[in-house]
PDB file of N, CA and C in Angstrom:
ATOM      1  N   MET A   1      79.576-105.436 -46.102  1.00  0.00           N
ATOM      2  CA  MET A   1      80.411-104.795 -47.099  1.00  0.00           C
ATOM      3  C   MET A   1      79.756-103.475 -47.504  1.00  0.00           C
ATOM      4  N   PRO A   2      80.466-102.371 -47.340  1.00  0.00           N
ATOM      5  CA  PRO A   2      79.903-101.073 -47.697  1.00  0.00           C
ATOM      6  C   PRO A   2      79.747-100.947 -49.223  1.00  0.00           C
ATOM      7  N   ILE A   3      78.750-100.166 -49.614  1.00  0.00           N
ATOM      8  CA  ILE A   3      78.558 -99.963 -51.048  1.00  0.00           C
ATOM      9  C   ILE A   3      79.459 -98.831 -51.523  1.00  0.00           C
ATOM     10  N   SER A   4      79.841 -98.904 -52.782  1.00  0.00           N
ATOM     11  CA  SER A   4      80.755 -97.914 -53.344  1.00  0.00           C
ATOM     12  C   SER A   4      80.043 -96.582 -53.564  1.00  0.00           C
ATOM     13  N   ILE A   5      80.822 -95.551 -53.769  1.00  0.00           N
ATOM     14  CA  ILE A   5      80.261 -94.229 -54.035  1.00  0.00           C
ATOM     15  C   ILE A   5      79.434 -94.254 -55.318  1.00  0.00           C
ATOM     16  N   GLU A   6      79.869 -95.039 -56.299  1.00  0.00           N
ATOM     17  CA  GLU A   6      79.126 -95.146 -57.551  1.00  0.00           C
ATOM     18  C   GLU A   6      77.750 -95.757 -57.311  1.00  0.00           C
ATOM     19  N   HIS A   7      77.688 -96.776 -56.462  1.00  0.00           N
ATOM     20  CA  HIS A   7      76.408 -97.401 -56.141  1.00  0.00           C
ATOM     21  C   HIS A   7      75.511 -96.441 -55.357  1.00  0.00           C
ATOM     22  N   LYS A   8      76.108 -95.680 -54.448  1.00  0.00           N
ATOM     23  CA  LYS A   8      75.339 -94.695 -53.687  1.00  0.00           C
ATOM     24  C   LYS A   8      74.746 -93.645 -54.624  1.00  0.00           C
ATOM     25  N   LEU A   9      75.565 -93.164 -55.560  1.00  0.00           N
ATOM     26  CA  LEU A   9      75.079 -92.166 -56.508  1.00  0.00           C
ATOM     27  C   LEU A   9      74.022 -92.761 -57.431  1.00  0.00           C
ATOM     28  N   GLY A  10      74.179 -94.015 -57.798  1.00  0.00           N
ATOM     29  CA  GLY A  10      73.172 -94.691 -58.619  1.00  0.00           C
ATOM     30  C   GLY A  10      71.851 -94.809 -57.880  1.00  0.00           C
ATOM     31  N   LEU A  11      71.914 -95.156 -56.607  1.00  0.00           N
ATOM     32  CA  LEU A  11      70.704 -95.250 -55.792  1.00  0.00           C
ATOM     33  C   LEU A  11      70.061 -93.880 -55.635  1.00  0.00           C
ATOM     34  N   LEU A  12      70.876 -92.850 -55.402  1.00  0.00           N
ATOM     35  CA  LEU A  12      70.354 -91.489 -55.303  1.00  0.00           C
ATOM     36  C   LEU A  12      69.655 -91.097 -56.601  1.00  0.00           C
ATOM     37  N   HIS A  13      70.287 -91.401 -57.716  1.00  0.00           N
ATOM     38  CA  HIS A  13      69.691 -91.099 -59.021  1.00  0.00           C
ATOM     39  C   HIS A  13      68.356 -91.817 -59.173  1.00  0.00           C
ATOM     40  N   ASP A  14      68.309 -93.097 -58.795  1.00  0.00           N
ATOM     41  CA  ASP A  14      67.064 -93.876 -58.901  1.00  0.00           C
ATOM     42  C   ASP A  14      65.953 -93.289 -58.039  1.00  0.00           C
ATOM     43  N   LEU A  15      66.279 -92.897 -56.815  1.00  0.00           N
ATOM     44  CA  LEU A  15      65.267 -92.304 -55.932  1.00  0.00           C
ATOM     45  C   LEU A  15      64.750 -90.978 -56.492  1.00  0.00           C
ATOM     46  N   LEU A  16      65.657 -90.169 -57.010  1.00  0.00           N
ATOM     47  CA  LEU A  16      65.235 -88.892 -57.590  1.00  0.00           C
ATOM     48  C   LEU A  16      64.411 -89.107 -58.859  1.00  0.00           C
ATOM     49  N   GLN A  17      64.828 -90.082 -59.662  1.00  0.00           N
ATOM     50  CA  GLN A  17      64.069 -90.393 -60.883  1.00  0.00           C
ATOM     51  C   GLN A  17      62.662 -90.855 -60.526  1.00  0.00           C
ATOM     52  N   ASN A  18      62.547 -91.654 -59.481  1.00  0.00           N
ATOM     53  CA  ASN A  18      61.238 -92.114 -59.028  1.00  0.00           C
ATOM     54  C   ASN A  18      60.388 -90.924 -58.592  1.00  0.00           C
ATOM     55  N   HIS A  19      60.999 -89.991 -57.876  1.00  0.00           N
ATOM     56  CA  HIS A  19      60.270 -88.798 -57.451  1.00  0.00           C
ATOM     57  C   HIS A  19      59.810 -87.998 -58.659  1.00  0.00           C
ATOM     58  N   ALA A  20      60.649 -87.904 -59.678  1.00  0.00           N
ATOM     59  CA  ALA A  20      60.300 -87.137 -60.877  1.00  0.00           C
ATOM     60  C   ALA A  20      59.113 -87.755 -61.615  1.00  0.00           C
ATOM     61  N   THR A  21      59.037 -89.075 -61.639  1.00  0.00           N
ATOM     62  CA  THR A  21      57.939 -89.722 -62.362  1.00  0.00           C
ATOM     63  C   THR A  21      56.682 -89.865 -61.518  1.00  0.00           C
ATOM     64  N   GLU A  22      56.847 -90.120 -60.233  1.00  0.00           N
ATOM     65  CA  GLU A  22      55.694 -90.344 -59.351  1.00  0.00           C
ATOM     66  C   GLU A  22      55.244 -89.078 -58.624  1.00  0.00           C
ATOM     67  N   HIS A  23      56.099 -88.060 -58.577  1.00  0.00           N
ATOM     68  CA  HIS A  23      55.833 -86.778 -57.915  1.00  0.00           C
ATOM     69  C   HIS A  23      55.724 -86.883 -56.395  1.00  0.00           C
ATOM     70  N   PHE A  24      56.242 -87.972 -55.834  1.00  0.00           N
ATOM     71  CA  PHE A  24      56.318 -88.112 -54.381  1.00  0.00           C
ATOM     72  C   PHE A  24      57.232 -89.281 -54.060  1.00  0.00           C
ATOM     73  N   LEU A  25      57.628 -89.366 -52.810  1.00  0.00           N
ATOM     74  CA  LEU A  25      58.387 -90.505 -52.310  1.00  0.00           C
ATOM     75  C   LEU A  25      57.623 -91.124 -51.156  1.00  0.00           C
ATOM     76  N   THR A  26      57.691 -92.440 -51.043  1.00  0.00           N
ATOM     77  CA  THR A  26      57.076 -93.105 -49.908  1.00  0.00           C
ATOM     78  C   THR A  26      57.873 -92.769 -48.651  1.00  0.00           C
ATOM     79  N   VAL A  27      57.342 -93.123 -47.515  1.00  0.00           N
ATOM     80  CA  VAL A  27      58.053 -92.898 -46.253  1.00  0.00           C
ATOM     81  C   VAL A  27      59.381 -93.643 -46.264  1.00  0.00           C
ATOM     82  N   ASN A  28      59.368 -94.893 -46.724  1.00  0.00           N
ATOM     83  CA  ASN A  28      60.607 -95.675 -46.772  1.00  0.00           C
ATOM     84  C   ASN A  28      61.611 -95.066 -47.740  1.00  0.00           C
ATOM     85  N   GLU A  29      61.145 -94.609 -48.885  1.00  0.00           N
ATOM     86  CA  GLU A  29      62.052 -93.977 -49.848  1.00  0.00           C
ATOM     87  C   GLU A  29      62.645 -92.689 -49.278  1.00  0.00           C
ATOM     88  N   THR A  30      61.838 -91.932 -48.568  1.00  0.00           N
ATOM     89  CA  THR A  30      62.327 -90.700 -47.953  1.00  0.00           C
ATOM     90  C   THR A  30      63.394 -91.008 -46.915  1.00  0.00           C
ATOM     91  N   GLU A  31      63.170 -92.041 -46.108  1.00  0.00           N
ATOM     92  CA  GLU A  31      64.170 -92.443 -45.112  1.00  0.00           C
ATOM     93  C   GLU A  31      65.450 -92.916 -45.789  1.00  0.00           C
ATOM     94  N   GLN A  32      65.313 -93.709 -46.853  1.00  0.00           N
ATOM     95  CA  GLN A  32      66.489 -94.167 -47.597  1.00  0.00           C
ATOM     96  C   GLN A  32      67.245 -92.978 -48.167  1.00  0.00           C
ATOM     97  N   LEU A  33      66.513 -92.027 -48.712  1.00  0.00           N
ATOM     98  CA  LEU A  33      67.123 -90.840 -49.295  1.00  0.00           C
ATOM     99  C   LEU A  33      67.909 -90.075 -48.234  1.00  0.00           C
ATOM    100  N   GLN A  34      67.323 -89.886 -47.077  1.00  0.00           N
ATOM    101  CA  GLN A  34      67.997 -89.147 -46.008  1.00  0.00           C
ATOM    102  C   GLN A  34      69.260 -89.863 -45.540  1.00  0.00           C
ATOM    103  N   HIS A  35      69.186 -91.173 -45.353  1.00  0.00           N
ATOM    104  CA  HIS A  35      70.368 -91.939 -44.938  1.00  0.00           C
ATOM    105  C   HIS A  35      71.455 -91.890 -46.009  1.00  0.00           C
ATOM    106  N   LEU A  36      71.044 -91.992 -47.248  1.00  0.00           N
ATOM    107  CA  LEU A  36      71.977 -91.952 -48.360  1.00  0.00           C
ATOM    108  C   LEU A  36      72.660 -90.590 -48.460  1.00  0.00           C
ATOM    109  N   LEU A  37      71.906 -89.525 -48.276  1.00  0.00           N
ATOM    110  CA  LEU A  37      72.478 -88.184 -48.340  1.00  0.00           C
ATOM    111  C   LEU A  37      73.496 -87.961 -47.229  1.00  0.00           C
ATOM    112  N   VAL A  38      73.221 -88.474 -46.040  1.00  0.00           N
ATOM    113  CA  VAL A  38      74.179 -88.360 -44.929  1.00  0.00           C
ATOM    114  C   VAL A  38      75.459 -89.125 -45.268  1.00  0.00           C
ATOM    115  N   ALA A  39      75.294 -90.343 -45.777  1.00  0.00           N
ATOM    116  CA  ALA A  39      76.467 -91.151 -46.125  1.00  0.00           C
ATOM    117  C   ALA A  39      77.300 -90.478 -47.209  1.00  0.00           C
ATOM    118  N   LEU A  40      76.637 -89.938 -48.222  1.00  0.00           N
ATOM    119  CA  LEU A  40      77.362 -89.271 -49.306  1.00  0.00           C
ATOM    120  C   LEU A  40      78.052 -88.003 -48.814  1.00  0.00           C
ATOM    121  N   SER A  41      77.384 -87.259 -47.958  1.00  0.00           N
ATOM    122  CA  SER A  41      77.974 -86.001 -47.483  1.00  0.00           C
ATOM    123  C   SER A  41      79.218 -86.240 -46.643  1.00  0.00           C
ATOM    124  N   LYS A  42      79.345 -87.416 -46.048  1.00  0.00           N
ATOM    125  CA  LYS A  42      80.511 -87.745 -45.228  1.00  0.00           C
ATOM    126  C   LYS A  42      81.633 -88.410 -46.024  1.00  0.00           C
ATOM    127  N   ASP A  43      81.376 -88.688 -47.299  1.00  0.00           N
ATOM    128  CA  ASP A  43      82.362 -89.398 -48.121  1.00  0.00           C
ATOM    129  C   ASP A  43      83.370 -88.410 -48.707  1.00  0.00           C
ATOM    130  N   PRO A  44      84.638 -88.486 -48.290  1.00  0.00           N
ATOM    131  CA  PRO A  44      85.634 -87.537 -48.790  1.00  0.00           C
ATOM    132  C   PRO A  44      85.955 -87.717 -50.277  1.00  0.00           C
ATOM    133  N   ALA A  45      85.580 -88.840 -50.861  1.00  0.00           N
ATOM    134  CA  ALA A  45      85.864 -89.090 -52.272  1.00  0.00           C
ATOM    135  C   ALA A  45      84.821 -88.467 -53.199  1.00  0.00           C
ATOM    136  N   LEU A  46      83.775 -87.884 -52.621  1.00  0.00           N
ATOM    137  CA  LEU A  46      82.709 -87.306 -53.437  1.00  0.00           C
ATOM    138  C   LEU A  46      83.202 -86.057 -54.154  1.00  0.00           C
ATOM    139  N   ASP A  47      82.952 -85.990 -55.432  1.00  0.00           N
ATOM    140  CA  ASP A  47      83.314 -84.830 -56.243  1.00  0.00           C
ATOM    141  C   ASP A  47      82.714 -83.572 -55.616  1.00  0.00           C
ATOM    142  N   PRO A  48      83.465 -82.468 -55.554  1.00  0.00           N
ATOM    143  CA  PRO A  48      82.963 -81.239 -54.920  1.00  0.00           C
ATOM    144  C   PRO A  48      81.664 -80.702 -55.539  1.00  0.00           C
ATOM    145  N   ILE A  49      81.517 -80.842 -56.834  1.00  0.00           N
ATOM    146  CA  ILE A  49      80.274 -80.387 -57.476  1.00  0.00           C
ATOM    147  C   ILE A  49      79.110 -81.257 -57.022  1.00  0.00           C
ATOM    148  N   LEU A  50      79.339 -82.573 -56.969  1.00  0.00           N
ATOM    149  CA  LEU A  50      78.291 -83.469 -56.472  1.00  0.00           C
ATOM    150  C   LEU A  50      78.026 -83.229 -54.994  1.00  0.00           C
ATOM    151  N   ALA A  51      79.044 -82.849 -54.244  1.00  0.00           N
ATOM    152  CA  ALA A  51      78.844 -82.542 -52.826  1.00  0.00           C
ATOM    153  C   ALA A  51      77.893 -81.362 -52.671  1.00  0.00           C
ATOM    154  N   ASN A  52      78.013 -80.372 -53.537  1.00  0.00           N
ATOM    155  CA  ASN A  52      77.079 -79.238 -53.508  1.00  0.00           C
ATOM    156  C   ASN A  52      75.670 -79.688 -53.846  1.00  0.00           C
ATOM    157  N   THR A  53      75.547 -80.569 -54.832  1.00  0.00           N
ATOM    158  CA  THR A  53      74.232 -81.095 -55.208  1.00  0.00           C
ATOM    159  C   THR A  53      73.629 -81.880 -54.052  1.00  0.00           C
ATOM    160  N   VAL A  54      74.431 -82.699 -53.406  1.00  0.00           N
ATOM    161  CA  VAL A  54      73.965 -83.472 -52.245  1.00  0.00           C
ATOM    162  C   VAL A  54      73.505 -82.525 -51.142  1.00  0.00           C
ATOM    163  N   ALA A  55      74.246 -81.447 -50.917  1.00  0.00           N
ATOM    164  CA  ALA A  55      73.851 -80.469 -49.894  1.00  0.00           C
ATOM    165  C   ALA A  55      72.522 -79.805 -50.258  1.00  0.00           C
ATOM    166  N   GLU A  56      72.318 -79.490 -51.530  1.00  0.00           N
ATOM    167  CA  GLU A  56      71.048 -78.897 -51.970  1.00  0.00           C
ATOM    168  C   GLU A  56      69.888 -79.859 -51.743  1.00  0.00           C
ATOM    169  N   ILE A  57      70.097 -81.119 -52.095  1.00  0.00           N
ATOM    170  CA  ILE A  57      69.050 -82.128 -51.915  1.00  0.00           C
ATOM    171  C   ILE A  57      68.755 -82.307 -50.428  1.00  0.00           C
ATOM    172  N   SER A  58      69.807 -82.356 -49.612  1.00  0.00           N
ATOM    173  CA  SER A  58      69.626 -82.502 -48.159  1.00  0.00           C
ATOM    174  C   SER A  58      68.805 -81.358 -47.593  1.00  0.00           C
ATOM    175  N   SER A  59      69.125 -80.152 -48.005  1.00  0.00           N
ATOM    176  CA  SER A  59      68.390 -78.980 -47.538  1.00  0.00           C
ATOM    177  C   SER A  59      66.923 -79.064 -47.938  1.00  0.00           C
ATOM    178  N   ALA A  60      66.669 -79.471 -49.160  1.00  0.00           N
ATOM    179  CA  ALA A  60      65.283 -79.566 -49.637  1.00  0.00           C
ATOM    180  C   ALA A  60      64.517 -80.668 -48.915  1.00  0.00           C
ATOM    181  N   THR A  61      65.178 -81.785 -48.602  1.00  0.00           N
ATOM    182  CA  THR A  61      64.471 -82.853 -47.900  1.00  0.00           C
ATOM    183  C   THR A  61      64.190 -82.471 -46.453  1.00  0.00           C
ATOM    184  N   GLU A  62      65.108 -81.710 -45.846  1.00  0.00           N
ATOM    185  CA  GLU A  62      64.893 -81.280 -44.461  1.00  0.00           C
ATOM    186  C   GLU A  62      63.725 -80.304 -44.345  1.00  0.00           C
ATOM    187  N   THR A  63      63.544 -79.484 -45.361  1.00  0.00           N
ATOM    188  CA  THR A  63      62.462 -78.487 -45.328  1.00  0.00           C
ATOM    189  C   THR A  63      61.238 -78.954 -46.118  1.00  0.00           C
ATOM    190  N   ASN A  64      61.309 -80.189 -46.645  1.00  0.00           N
ATOM    191  CA  ASN A  64      60.208 -80.776 -47.416  1.00  0.00           C
ATOM    192  C   ASN A  64      59.808 -79.877 -48.596  1.00  0.00           C
ATOM    193  N   THR A  65      60.822 -79.358 -49.297  1.00  0.00           N
ATOM    194  CA  THR A  65      60.568 -78.475 -50.431  1.00  0.00           C
ATOM    195  C   THR A  65      61.119 -79.054 -51.738  1.00  0.00           C
ATOM    196  N   ILE A  66      60.995 -80.348 -51.893  1.00  0.00           N
ATOM    197  CA  ILE A  66      61.441 -80.977 -53.130  1.00  0.00           C
ATOM    198  C   ILE A  66      60.364 -80.772 -54.181  1.00  0.00           C
ATOM    199  N   ASP A  67      60.738 -80.115 -55.280  1.00  0.00           N
ATOM    200  CA  ASP A  67      59.783 -79.978 -56.377  1.00  0.00           C
ATOM    201  C   ASP A  67      60.401 -80.575 -57.637  1.00  0.00           C
ATOM    202  N   ASN A  68      59.567 -80.801 -58.644  1.00  0.00           N
ATOM    203  CA  ASN A  68      60.042 -81.488 -59.842  1.00  0.00           C
ATOM    204  C   ASN A  68      61.084 -80.689 -60.618  1.00  0.00           C
ATOM    205  N   VAL A  69      61.006 -79.381 -60.592  1.00  0.00           N
ATOM    206  CA  VAL A  69      62.015 -78.577 -61.280  1.00  0.00           C
ATOM    207  C   VAL A  69      63.380 -78.827 -60.647  1.00  0.00           C
ATOM    208  N   ALA A  70      63.430 -78.779 -59.329  1.00  0.00           N
ATOM    209  CA  ALA A  70      64.692 -79.022 -58.624  1.00  0.00           C
ATOM    210  C   ALA A  70      65.182 -80.449 -58.862  1.00  0.00           C
ATOM    211  N   VAL A  71      64.275 -81.406 -58.792  1.00  0.00           N
ATOM    212  CA  VAL A  71      64.660 -82.808 -59.006  1.00  0.00           C
ATOM    213  C   VAL A  71      65.261 -82.985 -60.394  1.00  0.00           C
ATOM    214  N   ASN A  72      64.634 -82.411 -61.402  1.00  0.00           N
ATOM    215  CA  ASN A  72      65.163 -82.527 -62.765  1.00  0.00           C
ATOM    216  C   ASN A  72      66.517 -81.838 -62.895  1.00  0.00           C
ATOM    217  N   ASP A  73      66.694 -80.708 -62.219  1.00  0.00           N
ATOM    218  CA  ASP A  73      68.001 -80.032 -62.223  1.00  0.00           C
ATOM    219  C   ASP A  73      69.066 -80.925 -61.584  1.00  0.00           C
ATOM    220  N   TRP A  74      68.739 -81.529 -60.451  1.00  0.00           N
ATOM    221  CA  TRP A  74      69.689 -82.410 -59.768  1.00  0.00           C
ATOM    222  C   TRP A  74      70.038 -83.615 -60.640  1.00  0.00           C
ATOM    223  N   LEU A  75      69.024 -84.185 -61.272  1.00  0.00           N
ATOM    224  CA  LEU A  75      69.277 -85.328 -62.150  1.00  0.00           C
ATOM    225  C   LEU A  75      70.196 -84.934 -63.302  1.00  0.00           C
ATOM    226  N   ASN A  76      69.976 -83.759 -63.868  1.00  0.00           N
ATOM    227  CA  ASN A  76      70.843 -83.289 -64.963  1.00  0.00           C
ATOM    228  C   ASN A  76      72.263 -83.069 -64.469  1.00  0.00           C
ATOM    229  N   GLN A  77      72.414 -82.458 -63.297  1.00  0.00           N
ATOM    230  CA  GLN A  77      73.749 -82.231 -62.735  1.00  0.00           C
ATOM    231  C   GLN A  77      74.467 -83.565 -62.512  1.00  0.00           C
ATOM    232  N   MET A  78      73.740 -84.519 -61.968  1.00  0.00           N
ATOM    233  CA  MET A  78      74.348 -85.815 -61.672  1.00  0.00           C
ATOM    234  C   MET A  78      74.707 -86.562 -62.951  1.00  0.00           C
ATOM    235  N   SER A  79      73.870 -86.494 -63.956  1.00  0.00           N
ATOM    236  CA  SER A  79      74.121 -87.255 -65.177  1.00  0.00           C
ATOM    237  C   SER A  79      75.363 -86.752 -65.918  1.00  0.00           C
ATOM    238  N   THR A  80      75.694 -85.482 -65.740  1.00  0.00           N
ATOM    239  CA  THR A  80      76.885 -84.958 -66.404  1.00  0.00           C
ATOM    240  C   THR A  80      78.160 -85.337 -65.664  1.00  0.00           C
ATOM    241  N   LEU A  81      78.024 -85.747 -64.392  1.00  0.00           N
ATOM    242  CA  LEU A  81      79.211 -86.038 -63.578  1.00  0.00           C
ATOM    243  C   LEU A  81      79.391 -87.502 -63.247  1.00  0.00           C
ATOM    244  N   ILE A  82      78.353 -88.291 -63.435  1.00  0.00           N
ATOM    245  CA  ILE A  82      78.471 -89.725 -63.081  1.00  0.00           C
ATOM    246  C   ILE A  82      79.022 -90.498 -64.259  1.00  0.00           C
TER     247      ILE A  82
END
């Protein structure tokens, strides 16, 4: 049974929150994040603003340039839309 978009966004929020508090992600968390971002980017029901946020996160994970300022910005963007 596939998980809903709300659950995917909740998981994304949890992973980003973990990164914000721990300042890193484990290898497994990074893999989960990447798979989740691909799934979200392919979901036509995703809000366009959240789609932009997902694209920003995807770009940062691909270039390994995730920093806490960006993570906090993404969390704020998501919290206003979820």
